[in-house]
PDB file of N, CA and C in Angstrom:
ATOM      1  N   MET A   1       0.845  -1.173   0.000  1.00  0.00           N
ATOM      2  CA  MET A   1       0.000   0.000   0.000  1.00  0.00           C
ATOM      3  C   MET A   1       0.892   1.238   0.000  1.00  0.00           C
ATOM      4  N   THR A   2       0.578   2.178  -0.879  1.00  0.00           N
ATOM      5  CA  THR A   2       1.359   3.397  -0.986  1.00  0.00           C
ATOM      6  C   THR A   2       0.649   4.528  -0.266  1.00  0.00           C
ATOM      7  N   GLN A   3       1.372   5.218   0.578  1.00  0.00           N
ATOM      8  CA  GLN A   3       0.825   6.365   1.294  1.00  0.00           C
ATOM      9  C   GLN A   3       0.903   7.604   0.403  1.00  0.00           C
ATOM     10  N   PRO A   4      -0.117   8.434   0.425  1.00  0.00           N
ATOM     11  CA  PRO A   4      -0.013   9.678  -0.338  1.00  0.00           C
ATOM     12  C   PRO A   4       1.067  10.560   0.283  1.00  0.00           C
ATOM     13  N   SER A   5       1.735  11.308  -0.558  1.00  0.00           N
ATOM     14  CA  SER A   5       2.780  12.183  -0.020  1.00  0.00           C
ATOM     15  C   SER A   5       2.238  13.596   0.147  1.00  0.00           C
ATOM     16  N   ILE A   6       2.757  14.267   1.130  1.00  0.00           N
ATOM     17  CA  ILE A   6       2.383  15.640   1.402  1.00  0.00           C
ATOM     18  C   ILE A   6       3.638  16.486   1.272  1.00  0.00           C
ATOM     19  N   ASP A   7       3.533  17.551   0.528  1.00  0.00           N
ATOM     20  CA  ASP A   7       4.672  18.440   0.329  1.00  0.00           C
ATOM     21  C   ASP A   7       4.745  19.433   1.484  1.00  0.00           C
ATOM     22  N   PHE A   8       5.624  19.161   2.453  1.00  0.00           N
ATOM     23  CA  PHE A   8       5.781  20.043   3.601  1.00  0.00           C
ATOM     24  C   PHE A   8       6.762  21.184   3.310  1.00  0.00           C
ATOM     25  N   THR A   9       7.328  21.209   2.113  1.00  0.00           N
ATOM     26  CA  THR A   9       8.292  22.255   1.791  1.00  0.00           C
ATOM     27  C   THR A   9       7.605  23.521   1.286  1.00  0.00           C
ATOM     28  N   ARG A  10       6.356  23.411   0.876  1.00  0.00           N
ATOM     29  CA  ARG A  10       5.631  24.586   0.382  1.00  0.00           C
ATOM     30  C   ARG A  10       5.255  25.474   1.558  1.00  0.00           C
ATOM     31  N   ASP A  11       5.606  26.748   1.460  1.00  0.00           N
ATOM     32  CA  ASP A  11       5.178  27.701   2.475  1.00  0.00           C
ATOM     33  C   ASP A  11       3.694  27.957   2.292  1.00  0.00           C
ATOM     34  N   VAL A  12       2.935  27.734   3.330  1.00  0.00           N
ATOM     35  CA  VAL A  12       1.496  27.908   3.264  1.00  0.00           C
ATOM     36  C   VAL A  12       1.129  29.193   3.993  1.00  0.00           C
ATOM     37  N   ASN A  13       0.436  30.054   3.303  1.00  0.00           N
ATOM     38  CA  ASN A  13      -0.075  31.274   3.890  1.00  0.00           C
ATOM     39  C   ASN A  13      -1.581  31.253   3.654  1.00  0.00           C
ATOM     40  N   VAL A  14      -2.310  30.805   4.649  1.00  0.00           N
ATOM     41  CA  VAL A  14      -3.749  30.599   4.512  1.00  0.00           C
ATOM     42  C   VAL A  14      -4.453  31.895   4.135  1.00  0.00           C
ATOM     43  N   GLU A  15      -4.080  32.992   4.790  1.00  0.00           N
ATOM     44  CA  GLU A  15      -4.734  34.265   4.497  1.00  0.00           C
ATOM     45  C   GLU A  15      -4.478  34.690   3.048  1.00  0.00           C
ATOM     46  N   GLN A  16      -3.240  34.513   2.588  1.00  0.00           N
ATOM     47  CA  GLN A  16      -2.904  34.886   1.221  1.00  0.00           C
ATOM     48  C   GLN A  16      -3.674  34.007   0.229  1.00  0.00           C
ATOM     49  N   ASP A  17      -3.723  32.704   0.496  1.00  0.00           N
ATOM     50  CA  ASP A  17      -4.480  31.803  -0.377  1.00  0.00           C
ATOM     51  C   ASP A  17      -5.955  32.195  -0.404  1.00  0.00           C
ATOM     52  N   ARG A  18      -6.519  32.490   0.776  1.00  0.00           N
ATOM     53  CA  ARG A  18      -7.937  32.898   0.862  1.00  0.00           C
ATOM     54  C   ARG A  18      -8.172  34.173   0.069  1.00  0.00           C
ATOM     55  N   ASP A  19      -7.294  35.157   0.253  1.00  0.00           N
ATOM     56  CA  ASP A  19      -7.452  36.434  -0.437  1.00  0.00           C
ATOM     57  C   ASP A  19      -7.394  36.272  -1.952  1.00  0.00           C
ATOM     58  N   GLN A  20      -6.537  35.391  -2.435  1.00  0.00           N
ATOM     59  CA  GLN A  20      -6.434  35.154  -3.876  1.00  0.00           C
ATOM     60  C   GLN A  20      -7.716  34.527  -4.417  1.00  0.00           C
ATOM     61  N   VAL A  21      -8.259  33.568  -3.680  1.00  0.00           N
ATOM     62  CA  VAL A  21      -9.500  32.916  -4.109  1.00  0.00           C
ATOM     63  C   VAL A  21     -10.642  33.928  -4.113  1.00  0.00           C
ATOM     64  N   LEU A  22     -10.757  34.718  -3.036  1.00  0.00           N
ATOM     65  CA  LEU A  22     -11.843  35.688  -2.964  1.00  0.00           C
ATOM     66  C   LEU A  22     -11.713  36.769  -4.033  1.00  0.00           C
ATOM     67  N   ALA A  23     -10.485  37.162  -4.361  1.00  0.00           N
ATOM     68  CA  ALA A  23     -10.289  38.152  -5.430  1.00  0.00           C
ATOM     69  C   ALA A  23     -10.747  37.583  -6.773  1.00  0.00           C
ATOM     70  N   ALA A  24     -10.450  36.312  -7.019  1.00  0.00           N
ATOM     71  CA  ALA A  24     -10.890  35.677  -8.267  1.00  0.00           C
ATOM     72  C   ALA A  24     -12.415  35.585  -8.314  1.00  0.00           C
ATOM     73  N   VAL A  25     -13.033  35.238  -7.186  1.00  0.00           N
ATOM     74  CA  VAL A  25     -14.492  35.166  -7.119  1.00  0.00           C
ATOM     75  C   VAL A  25     -15.082  36.550  -7.369  1.00  0.00           C
ATOM     76  N   GLU A  26     -14.493  37.563  -6.746  1.00  0.00           N
ATOM     77  CA  GLU A  26     -14.991  38.925  -6.899  1.00  0.00           C
ATOM     78  C   GLU A  26     -14.909  39.393  -8.355  1.00  0.00           C
ATOM     79  N   ARG A  27     -13.814  39.074  -9.032  1.00  0.00           N
ATOM     80  CA  ARG A  27     -13.684  39.442 -10.453  1.00  0.00           C
ATOM     81  C   ARG A  27     -14.765  38.767 -11.285  1.00  0.00           C
ATOM     82  N   ARG A  28     -15.029  37.485 -10.996  1.00  0.00           N
ATOM     83  CA  ARG A  28     -16.063  36.757 -11.741  1.00  0.00           C
ATOM     84  C   ARG A  28     -17.436  37.389 -11.511  1.00  0.00           C
ATOM     85  N   VAL A  29     -17.744  37.696 -10.264  1.00  0.00           N
ATOM     86  CA  VAL A  29     -19.050  38.276  -9.951  1.00  0.00           C
ATOM     87  C   VAL A  29     -19.177  39.655 -10.580  1.00  0.00           C
ATOM     88  N   ASP A  30     -18.109  40.460 -10.519  1.00  0.00           N
ATOM     89  CA  ASP A  30     -18.154  41.788 -11.145  1.00  0.00           C
ATOM     90  C   ASP A  30     -18.437  41.681 -12.637  1.00  0.00           C
ATOM     91  N   ARG A  31     -17.900  40.640 -13.250  1.00  0.00           N
ATOM     92  CA  ARG A  31     -18.086  40.429 -14.691  1.00  0.00           C
ATOM     93  C   ARG A  31     -19.500  39.920 -14.991  1.00  0.00           C
ATOM     94  N   GLU A  32     -19.983  38.949 -14.189  1.00  0.00           N
ATOM     95  CA  GLU A  32     -21.257  38.288 -14.497  1.00  0.00           C
ATOM     96  C   GLU A  32     -22.474  38.931 -13.837  1.00  0.00           C
ATOM     97  N   ALA A  33     -22.269  39.647 -12.742  1.00  0.00           N
ATOM     98  CA  ALA A  33     -23.387  40.275 -12.025  1.00  0.00           C
ATOM     99  C   ALA A  33     -22.898  41.606 -11.445  1.00  0.00           C
ATOM    100  N   PRO A  34     -22.680  42.605 -12.297  1.00  0.00           N
ATOM    101  CA  PRO A  34     -22.029  43.838 -11.862  1.00  0.00           C
ATOM    102  C   PRO A  34     -22.724  44.587 -10.726  1.00  0.00           C
ATOM    103  N   ALA A  35     -24.019  44.471 -10.575  1.00  0.00           N
ATOM    104  CA  ALA A  35     -24.727  45.193  -9.512  1.00  0.00           C
ATOM    105  C   ALA A  35     -24.748  44.423  -8.193  1.00  0.00           C
ATOM    106  N   PHE A  36     -24.243  43.212  -8.194  1.00  0.00           N
ATOM    107  CA  PHE A  36     -24.356  42.350  -7.013  1.00  0.00           C
ATOM    108  C   PHE A  36     -23.774  42.994  -5.755  1.00  0.00           C
ATOM    109  N   ARG A  37     -22.543  43.473  -5.825  1.00  0.00           N
ATOM    110  CA  ARG A  37     -21.850  43.952  -4.623  1.00  0.00           C
ATOM    111  C   ARG A  37     -22.645  45.065  -3.925  1.00  0.00           C
ATOM    112  N   ASP A  38     -23.063  46.081  -4.674  1.00  0.00           N
ATOM    113  CA  ASP A  38     -23.803  47.198  -4.064  1.00  0.00           C
ATOM    114  C   ASP A  38     -25.140  46.728  -3.497  1.00  0.00           C
ATOM    115  N   ARG A  39     -25.841  45.896  -4.245  1.00  0.00           N
ATOM    116  CA  ARG A  39     -27.143  45.397  -3.763  1.00  0.00           C
ATOM    117  C   ARG A  39     -26.969  44.536  -2.521  1.00  0.00           C
ATOM    118  N   ALA A  40     -25.933  43.696  -2.511  1.00  0.00           N
ATOM    119  CA  ALA A  40     -25.700  42.820  -1.356  1.00  0.00           C
ATOM    120  C   ALA A  40     -25.335  43.640  -0.125  1.00  0.00           C
ATOM    121  N   GLN A  41     -24.490  44.656  -0.296  1.00  0.00           N
ATOM    122  CA  GLN A  41     -24.121  45.482   0.850  1.00  0.00           C
ATOM    123  C   GLN A  41     -25.342  46.188   1.426  1.00  0.00           C
ATOM    124  N   ALA A  42     -26.196  46.722   0.572  1.00  0.00           N
ATOM    125  CA  ALA A  42     -27.413  47.399   1.034  1.00  0.00           C
ATOM    126  C   ALA A  42     -28.329  46.426   1.772  1.00  0.00           C
ATOM    127  N   LEU A  43     -28.468  45.215   1.234  1.00  0.00           N
ATOM    128  CA  LEU A  43     -29.332  44.220   1.869  1.00  0.00           C
ATOM    129  C   LEU A  43     -28.784  43.820   3.239  1.00  0.00           C
ATOM    130  N   VAL A  44     -27.488  43.607   3.348  1.00  0.00           N
ATOM    131  CA  VAL A  44     -26.881  43.224   4.633  1.00  0.00           C
ATOM    132  C   VAL A  44     -27.134  44.311   5.673  1.00  0.00           C
ATOM    133  N   LEU A  45     -26.894  45.552   5.309  1.00  0.00           N
ATOM    134  CA  LEU A  45     -27.092  46.651   6.263  1.00  0.00           C
ATOM    135  C   LEU A  45     -28.553  46.768   6.686  1.00  0.00           C
ATOM    136  N   GLU A  46     -29.469  46.655   5.742  1.00  0.00           N
ATOM    137  CA  GLU A  46     -30.895  46.732   6.076  1.00  0.00           C
ATOM    138  C   GLU A  46     -31.302  45.565   6.977  1.00  0.00           C
ATOM    139  N   HIS A  47     -30.818  44.376   6.672  1.00  0.00           N
ATOM    140  CA  HIS A  47     -31.152  43.202   7.492  1.00  0.00           C
ATOM    141  C   HIS A  47     -30.648  43.395   8.922  1.00  0.00           C
ATOM    142  N   LEU A  48     -29.429  43.876   9.066  1.00  0.00           N
ATOM    143  CA  LEU A  48     -28.873  44.072  10.405  1.00  0.00           C
ATOM    144  C   LEU A  48     -29.621  45.173  11.153  1.00  0.00           C
ATOM    145  N   ARG A  49     -30.043  46.232  10.463  1.00  0.00           N
ATOM    146  CA  ARG A  49     -30.838  47.292  11.114  1.00  0.00           C
ATOM    147  C   ARG A  49     -32.170  46.737  11.607  1.00  0.00           C
ATOM    148  N   THR A  50     -32.759  45.863  10.815  1.00  0.00           N
ATOM    149  CA  THR A  50     -34.086  45.331  11.134  1.00  0.00           C
ATOM    150  C   THR A  50     -34.045  44.191  12.148  1.00  0.00           C
ATOM    151  N   HIS A  51     -33.068  43.283  11.986  1.00  0.00           N
ATOM    152  CA  HIS A  51     -33.065  42.048  12.775  1.00  0.00           C
ATOM    153  C   HIS A  51     -31.954  41.953  13.816  1.00  0.00           C
ATOM    154  N   GLY A  52     -31.009  42.859  13.785  1.00  0.00           N
ATOM    155  CA  GLY A  52     -29.904  42.805  14.739  1.00  0.00           C
ATOM    156  C   GLY A  52     -28.836  41.821  14.299  1.00  0.00           C
ATOM    157  N   PRO A  53     -27.897  41.523  15.197  1.00  0.00           N
ATOM    158  CA  PRO A  53     -26.766  40.659  14.854  1.00  0.00           C
ATOM    159  C   PRO A  53     -27.216  39.336  14.238  1.00  0.00           C
ATOM    160  N   THR A  54     -26.530  38.958  13.158  1.00  0.00           N
ATOM    161  CA  THR A  54     -26.916  37.796  12.364  1.00  0.00           C
ATOM    162  C   THR A  54     -25.662  37.130  11.826  1.00  0.00           C
ATOM    163  N   SER A  55     -25.664  35.814  11.777  1.00  0.00           N
ATOM    164  CA  SER A  55     -24.500  35.107  11.233  1.00  0.00           C
ATOM    165  C   SER A  55     -24.391  35.351   9.732  1.00  0.00           C
ATOM    166  N   GLY A  56     -23.173  35.261   9.226  1.00  0.00           N
ATOM    167  CA  GLY A  56     -22.947  35.405   7.796  1.00  0.00           C
ATOM    168  C   GLY A  56     -23.746  34.405   6.986  1.00  0.00           C
ATOM    169  N   GLU A  57     -23.870  33.182   7.501  1.00  0.00           N
ATOM    170  CA  GLU A  57     -24.654  32.171   6.779  1.00  0.00           C
ATOM    171  C   GLU A  57     -26.116  32.587   6.678  1.00  0.00           C
ATOM    172  N   ASP A  58     -26.671  33.117   7.779  1.00  0.00           N
ATOM    173  CA  ASP A  58     -28.071  33.549   7.754  1.00  0.00           C
ATOM    174  C   ASP A  58     -28.254  34.781   6.863  1.00  0.00           C
ATOM    175  N   LEU A  59     -27.269  35.688   6.864  1.00  0.00           N
ATOM    176  CA  LEU A  59     -27.337  36.850   5.969  1.00  0.00           C
ATOM    177  C   LEU A  59     -27.321  36.409   4.509  1.00  0.00           C
ATOM    178  N   THR A  60     -26.453  35.455   4.202  1.00  0.00           N
ATOM    179  CA  THR A  60     -26.364  34.930   2.837  1.00  0.00           C
ATOM    180  C   THR A  60     -27.693  34.303   2.433  1.00  0.00           C
ATOM    181  N   ASP A  61     -28.269  33.504   3.311  1.00  0.00           N
ATOM    182  CA  ASP A  61     -29.563  32.871   3.013  1.00  0.00           C
ATOM    183  C   ASP A  61     -30.662  33.909   2.831  1.00  0.00           C
ATOM    184  N   ALA A  62     -30.656  34.965   3.655  1.00  0.00           N
ATOM    185  CA  ALA A  62     -31.666  36.016   3.533  1.00  0.00           C
ATOM    186  C   ALA A  62     -31.540  36.724   2.183  1.00  0.00           C
ATOM    187  N   ALA A  63     -30.308  36.979   1.768  1.00  0.00           N
ATOM    188  CA  ALA A  63     -30.089  37.625   0.471  1.00  0.00           C
ATOM    189  C   ALA A  63     -30.593  36.741  -0.660  1.00  0.00           C
ATOM    190  N   LYS A  64     -30.313  35.464  -0.575  1.00  0.00           N
ATOM    191  CA  LYS A  64     -30.757  34.544  -1.627  1.00  0.00           C
ATOM    192  C   LYS A  64     -32.281  34.441  -1.655  1.00  0.00           C
ATOM    193  N   ARG A  65     -32.913  34.436  -0.465  1.00  0.00           N
ATOM    194  CA  ARG A  65     -34.389  34.400  -0.422  1.00  0.00           C
ATOM    195  C   ARG A  65     -34.982  35.667  -1.038  1.00  0.00           C
ATOM    196  N   ALA A  66     -34.235  36.765  -0.934  1.00  0.00           N
ATOM    197  CA  ALA A  66     -34.690  38.034  -1.506  1.00  0.00           C
ATOM    198  C   ALA A  66     -34.384  38.126  -3.002  1.00  0.00           C
ATOM    199  N   GLY A  67     -33.829  37.061  -3.573  1.00  0.00           N
ATOM    200  CA  GLY A  67     -33.563  37.029  -5.004  1.00  0.00           C
ATOM    201  C   GLY A  67     -32.175  37.490  -5.400  1.00  0.00           C
ATOM    202  N   LEU A  68     -31.321  37.736  -4.425  1.00  0.00           N
ATOM    203  CA  LEU A  68     -29.956  38.185  -4.702  1.00  0.00           C
ATOM    204  C   LEU A  68     -29.033  36.966  -4.685  1.00  0.00           C
ATOM    205  N   VAL A  69     -28.934  36.322  -5.846  1.00  0.00           N
ATOM    206  CA  VAL A  69     -28.184  35.066  -5.954  1.00  0.00           C
ATOM    207  C   VAL A  69     -26.995  35.277  -6.891  1.00  0.00           C
ATOM    208  N   PRO A  70     -25.784  35.290  -6.339  1.00  0.00           N
ATOM    209  CA  PRO A  70     -24.600  35.477  -7.181  1.00  0.00           C
ATOM    210  C   PRO A  70     -24.243  34.184  -7.909  1.00  0.00           C
ATOM    211  N   PRO A  71     -23.336  34.259  -8.876  1.00  0.00           N
ATOM    212  CA  PRO A  71     -22.912  33.043  -9.565  1.00  0.00           C
ATOM    213  C   PRO A  71     -22.140  32.086  -8.651  1.00  0.00           C
ATOM    214  N   ASP A  72     -21.675  32.581  -7.513  1.00  0.00           N
ATOM    215  CA  ASP A  72     -20.892  31.765  -6.582  1.00  0.00           C
ATOM    216  C   ASP A  72     -21.171  32.292  -5.175  1.00  0.00           C
ATOM    217  N   ASP A  73     -21.603  31.414  -4.243  1.00  0.00           N
ATOM    218  CA  ASP A  73     -21.924  31.859  -2.880  1.00  0.00           C
ATOM    219  C   ASP A  73     -20.740  32.518  -2.189  1.00  0.00           C
ATOM    220  N   ARG A  74     -19.529  32.176  -2.605  1.00  0.00           N
ATOM    221  CA  ARG A  74     -18.357  32.787  -1.983  1.00  0.00           C
ATOM    222  C   ARG A  74     -18.302  34.287  -2.254  1.00  0.00           C
ATOM    223  N   ALA A  75     -19.133  34.781  -3.154  1.00  0.00           N
ATOM    224  CA  ALA A  75     -19.171  36.212  -3.464  1.00  0.00           C
ATOM    225  C   ALA A  75     -19.608  37.037  -2.256  1.00  0.00           C
ATOM    226  N   PHE A  76     -20.262  36.413  -1.295  1.00  0.00           N
ATOM    227  CA  PHE A  76     -20.671  37.150  -0.107  1.00  0.00           C
ATOM    228  C   PHE A  76     -19.479  37.468   0.795  1.00  0.00           C
ATOM    229  N   GLY A  77     -18.428  36.677   0.756  1.00  0.00           N
ATOM    230  CA  GLY A  77     -17.243  36.936   1.580  1.00  0.00           C
ATOM    231  C   GLY A  77     -16.669  38.324   1.352  1.00  0.00           C
ATOM    232  N   PRO A  78     -16.401  38.719   0.095  1.00  0.00           N
ATOM    233  CA  PRO A  78     -15.901  40.072  -0.147  1.00  0.00           C
ATOM    234  C   PRO A  78     -16.889  41.168   0.257  1.00  0.00           C
ATOM    235  N   VAL A  79     -18.180  40.870   0.230  1.00  0.00           N
ATOM    236  CA  VAL A  79     -19.184  41.850   0.662  1.00  0.00           C
ATOM    237  C   VAL A  79     -19.010  42.130   2.150  1.00  0.00           C
ATOM    238  N   TYR A  80     -18.927  41.063   2.960  1.00  0.00           N
ATOM    239  CA  TYR A  80     -18.751  41.244   4.403  1.00  0.00           C
ATOM    240  C   TYR A  80     -17.403  41.895   4.700  1.00  0.00           C
ATOM    241  N   ALA A  81     -16.368  41.486   3.978  1.00  0.00           N
ATOM    242  CA  ALA A  81     -15.030  42.042   4.206  1.00  0.00           C
ATOM    243  C   ALA A  81     -15.005  43.542   3.913  1.00  0.00           C
ATOM    244  N   ALA A  82     -15.627  43.960   2.806  1.00  0.00           N
ATOM    245  CA  ALA A  82     -15.639  45.380   2.441  1.00  0.00           C
ATOM    246  C   ALA A  82     -16.417  46.201   3.476  1.00  0.00           C
ATOM    247  N   LEU A  83     -17.576  45.698   3.893  1.00  0.00           N
ATOM    248  CA  LEU A  83     -18.363  46.411   4.905  1.00  0.00           C
ATOM    249  C   LEU A  83     -17.599  46.507   6.218  1.00  0.00           C
ATOM    250  N   SER A  84     -16.903  45.448   6.576  1.00  0.00           N
ATOM    251  CA  SER A  84     -16.118  45.430   7.812  1.00  0.00           C
ATOM    252  C   SER A  84     -14.953  46.412   7.741  1.00  0.00           C
ATOM    253  N   ARG A  85     -14.234  46.416   6.617  1.00  0.00           N
ATOM    254  CA  ARG A  85     -13.101  47.344   6.460  1.00  0.00           C
ATOM    255  C   ARG A  85     -13.562  48.804   6.564  1.00  0.00           C
ATOM    256  N   ARG A  86     -14.762  49.091   6.061  1.00  0.00           N
ATOM    257  CA  ARG A  86     -15.317  50.456   6.116  1.00  0.00           C
ATOM    258  C   ARG A  86     -15.844  50.808   7.500  1.00  0.00           C
ATOM    259  N   GLY A  87     -15.979  49.809   8.365  1.00  0.00           N
ATOM    260  CA  GLY A  87     -16.540  50.053   9.686  1.00  0.00           C
ATOM    261  C   GLY A  87     -18.058  50.079   9.698  1.00  0.00           C
ATOM    262  N   ALA A  88     -18.681  49.632   8.598  1.00  0.00           N
ATOM    263  CA  ALA A  88     -20.143  49.623   8.506  1.00  0.00           C
ATOM    264  C   ALA A  88     -20.751  48.443   9.265  1.00  0.00           C
ATOM    265  N   ILE A  89     -19.993  47.349   9.399  1.00  0.00           N
ATOM    266  CA  ILE A  89     -20.420  46.207  10.206  1.00  0.00           C
ATOM    267  C   ILE A  89     -19.231  45.768  11.061  1.00  0.00           C
ATOM    268  N   VAL A  90     -19.537  45.094  12.157  1.00  0.00           N
ATOM    269  CA  VAL A  90     -18.489  44.591  13.046  1.00  0.00           C
ATOM    270  C   VAL A  90     -18.806  43.145  13.419  1.00  0.00           C
ATOM    271  N   ALA A  91     -17.756  42.375  13.631  1.00  0.00           N
ATOM    272  CA  ALA A  91     -17.932  41.007  14.114  1.00  0.00           C
ATOM    273  C   ALA A  91     -18.275  41.089  15.601  1.00  0.00           C
ATOM    274  N   VAL A  92     -19.404  40.491  15.965  1.00  0.00           N
ATOM    275  CA  VAL A  92     -19.845  40.554  17.360  1.00  0.00           C
ATOM    276  C   VAL A  92     -19.867  39.180  18.026  1.00  0.00           C
ATOM    277  N   GLY A  93     -19.536  38.144  17.266  1.00  0.00           N
ATOM    278  CA  GLY A  93     -19.523  36.809  17.842  1.00  0.00           C
ATOM    279  C   GLY A  93     -19.188  35.758  16.808  1.00  0.00           C
ATOM    280  N   VAL A  94     -19.140  34.543  17.292  1.00  0.00           N
ATOM    281  CA  VAL A  94     -18.866  33.386  16.440  1.00  0.00           C
ATOM    282  C   VAL A  94     -19.816  32.278  16.868  1.00  0.00           C
ATOM    283  N   VAL A  95     -20.394  31.602  15.893  1.00  0.00           N
ATOM    284  CA  VAL A  95     -21.294  30.486  16.192  1.00  0.00           C
ATOM    285  C   VAL A  95     -20.877  29.266  15.383  1.00  0.00           C
ATOM    286  N   ARG A  96     -21.373  28.131  15.790  1.00  0.00           N
ATOM    287  CA  ARG A  96     -21.135  26.907  15.045  1.00  0.00           C
ATOM    288  C   ARG A  96     -21.822  27.022  13.692  1.00  0.00           C
ATOM    289  N   ARG A  97     -21.120  26.612  12.670  1.00  0.00           N
ATOM    290  CA  ARG A  97     -21.661  26.712  11.311  1.00  0.00           C
ATOM    291  C   ARG A  97     -22.730  25.648  11.057  1.00  0.00           C
ATOM    292  N   ARG A  98     -23.724  26.015  10.255  1.00  0.00           N
ATOM    293  CA  ARG A  98     -24.708  25.025   9.799  1.00  0.00           C
ATOM    294  C   ARG A  98     -24.112  24.226   8.654  1.00  0.00           C
ATOM    295  N   ARG A  99     -23.335  24.911   7.819  1.00  0.00           N
ATOM    296  CA  ARG A  99     -22.616  24.234   6.732  1.00  0.00           C
ATOM    297  C   ARG A  99     -21.230  23.925   7.266  1.00  0.00           C
ATOM    298  N   GLY A 100     -20.437  23.232   6.523  1.00  0.00           N
ATOM    299  CA  GLY A 100     -19.089  22.936   6.997  1.00  0.00           C
ATOM    300  C   GLY A 100     -19.098  21.897   8.105  1.00  0.00           C
ATOM    301  N   HIS A 101     -20.116  21.046   8.108  1.00  0.00           N
ATOM    302  CA  HIS A 101     -20.217  19.944   9.071  1.00  0.00           C
ATOM    303  C   HIS A 101     -20.235  20.433  10.513  1.00  0.00           C
ATOM    304  N   GLY A 102     -20.849  21.575  10.746  1.00  0.00           N
ATOM    305  CA  GLY A 102     -21.005  22.073  12.109  1.00  0.00           C
ATOM    306  C   GLY A 102     -19.730  22.579  12.740  1.00  0.00           C
ATOM    307  N   THR A 103     -18.733  22.889  11.941  1.00  0.00           N
ATOM    308  CA  THR A 103     -17.488  23.391  12.510  1.00  0.00           C
ATOM    309  C   THR A 103     -17.706  24.772  13.098  1.00  0.00           C
ATOM    310  N   ARG A 104     -16.888  25.120  14.076  1.00  0.00           N
ATOM    311  CA  ARG A 104     -16.956  26.440  14.676  1.00  0.00           C
ATOM    312  C   ARG A 104     -16.447  27.448  13.656  1.00  0.00           C
ATOM    313  N   GLY A 105     -16.976  28.630  13.690  1.00  0.00           N
ATOM    314  CA  GLY A 105     -16.377  29.633  12.857  1.00  0.00           C
ATOM    315  C   GLY A 105     -17.280  30.515  12.038  1.00  0.00           C
ATOM    316  N   ALA A 106     -18.597  30.439  12.173  1.00  0.00           N
ATOM    317  CA  ALA A 106     -19.460  31.348  11.427  1.00  0.00           C
ATOM    318  C   ALA A 106     -19.494  32.686  12.159  1.00  0.00           C
ATOM    319  N   THR A 107     -19.063  33.735  11.501  1.00  0.00           N
ATOM    320  CA  THR A 107     -19.041  35.060  12.116  1.00  0.00           C
ATOM    321  C   THR A 107     -20.457  35.592  12.263  1.00  0.00           C
ATOM    322  N   VAL A 108     -20.730  36.172  13.412  1.00  0.00           N
ATOM    323  CA  VAL A 108     -21.978  36.891  13.634  1.00  0.00           C
ATOM    324  C   VAL A 108     -21.658  38.365  13.433  1.00  0.00           C
ATOM    325  N   TRP A 109     -22.379  38.989  12.498  1.00  0.00           N
ATOM    326  CA  TRP A 109     -22.146  40.391  12.158  1.00  0.00           C
ATOM    327  C   TRP A 109     -23.208  41.261  12.795  1.00  0.00           C
ATOM    328  N   GLY A 110     -22.804  42.458  13.186  1.00  0.00           N
ATOM    329  CA  GLY A 110     -23.730  43.440  13.725  1.00  0.00           C
ATOM    330  C   GLY A 110     -23.332  44.820  13.251  1.00  0.00           C
ATOM    331  N   LEU A 111     -24.161  45.785  13.589  1.00  0.00           N
ATOM    332  CA  LEU A 111     -23.847  47.173  13.273  1.00  0.00           C
ATOM    333  C   LEU A 111     -23.032  47.760  14.420  1.00  0.00           C
ATOM    334  N   PRO A 112     -22.108  48.656  14.104  1.00  0.00           N
ATOM    335  CA  PRO A 112     -21.431  49.360  15.190  1.00  0.00           C
ATOM    336  C   PRO A 112     -22.482  50.155  15.970  1.00  0.00           C
ATOM    337  N   HIS A 113     -22.222  50.392  17.239  1.00  0.00           N
ATOM    338  CA  HIS A 113     -23.233  51.049  18.090  1.00  0.00           C
ATOM    339  C   HIS A 113     -23.737  52.355  17.498  1.00  0.00           C
ATOM    340  N   HIS A 114     -22.871  53.132  16.871  1.00  0.00           N
ATOM    341  CA  HIS A 114     -23.312  54.434  16.347  1.00  0.00           C
ATOM    342  C   HIS A 114     -24.216  54.303  15.122  1.00  0.00           C
ATOM    343  N   LEU A 115     -24.313  53.102  14.528  1.00  0.00           N
ATOM    344  CA  LEU A 115     -25.191  52.898  13.377  1.00  0.00           C
ATOM    345  C   LEU A 115     -26.454  52.125  13.724  1.00  0.00           C
ATOM    346  N   GLU A 116     -26.523  51.579  14.941  1.00  0.00           N
ATOM    347  CA  GLU A 116     -27.710  50.814  15.312  1.00  0.00           C
ATOM    348  C   GLU A 116     -28.901  51.750  15.392  1.00  0.00           C
ATOM    349  N   GLY A 117     -30.040  51.177  15.174  1.00  0.00           N
ATOM    350  CA  GLY A 117     -31.261  51.963  15.261  1.00  0.00           C
ATOM    351  C   GLY A 117     -32.334  51.380  14.384  1.00  0.00           C
ATOM    352  N   GLY A 118     -33.553  51.728  14.677  1.00  0.00           N
ATOM    353  CA  GLY A 118     -34.656  51.256  13.861  1.00  0.00           C
ATOM    354  C   GLY A 118     -35.165  49.882  14.262  1.00  0.00           C
ATOM    355  N   ARG A 119     -34.477  49.231  15.207  1.00  0.00           N
ATOM    356  CA  ARG A 119     -34.946  47.909  15.663  1.00  0.00           C
ATOM    357  C   ARG A 119     -35.850  48.102  16.855  1.00  0.00           C
ATOM    358  N   SER A 120     -36.863  47.241  16.934  1.00  0.00           N
ATOM    359  CA  SER A 120     -37.677  47.280  18.143  1.00  0.00           C
ATOM    360  C   SER A 120     -37.460  46.043  18.944  1.00  0.00           C
TER     361      SER A 120
END
């Protein structure tokens, strides 16, 4: 029986690999669905104003139920990243994922305190 080999000599930079994949996804979405990013950002902000802190998975599902379906679900990652970099949303927690075999790591997003409002 032959064991598969693993190349331990390759320098692995998980963040760099992730960023490259997300950049490729973003380019594809910009090409195939140019209005997606702006519409998704608006929907995320409105959902958080209305419903409060929500996991990324639930935000993605809400967007899809509202008819905002990108060519690749990974397109939501750059949406959350851009909103976070701008300070429009903040990570407020982590929950067990529904996808990914229940692994820990689904970010719960919320509005910064100065943007909260409109929720009852």
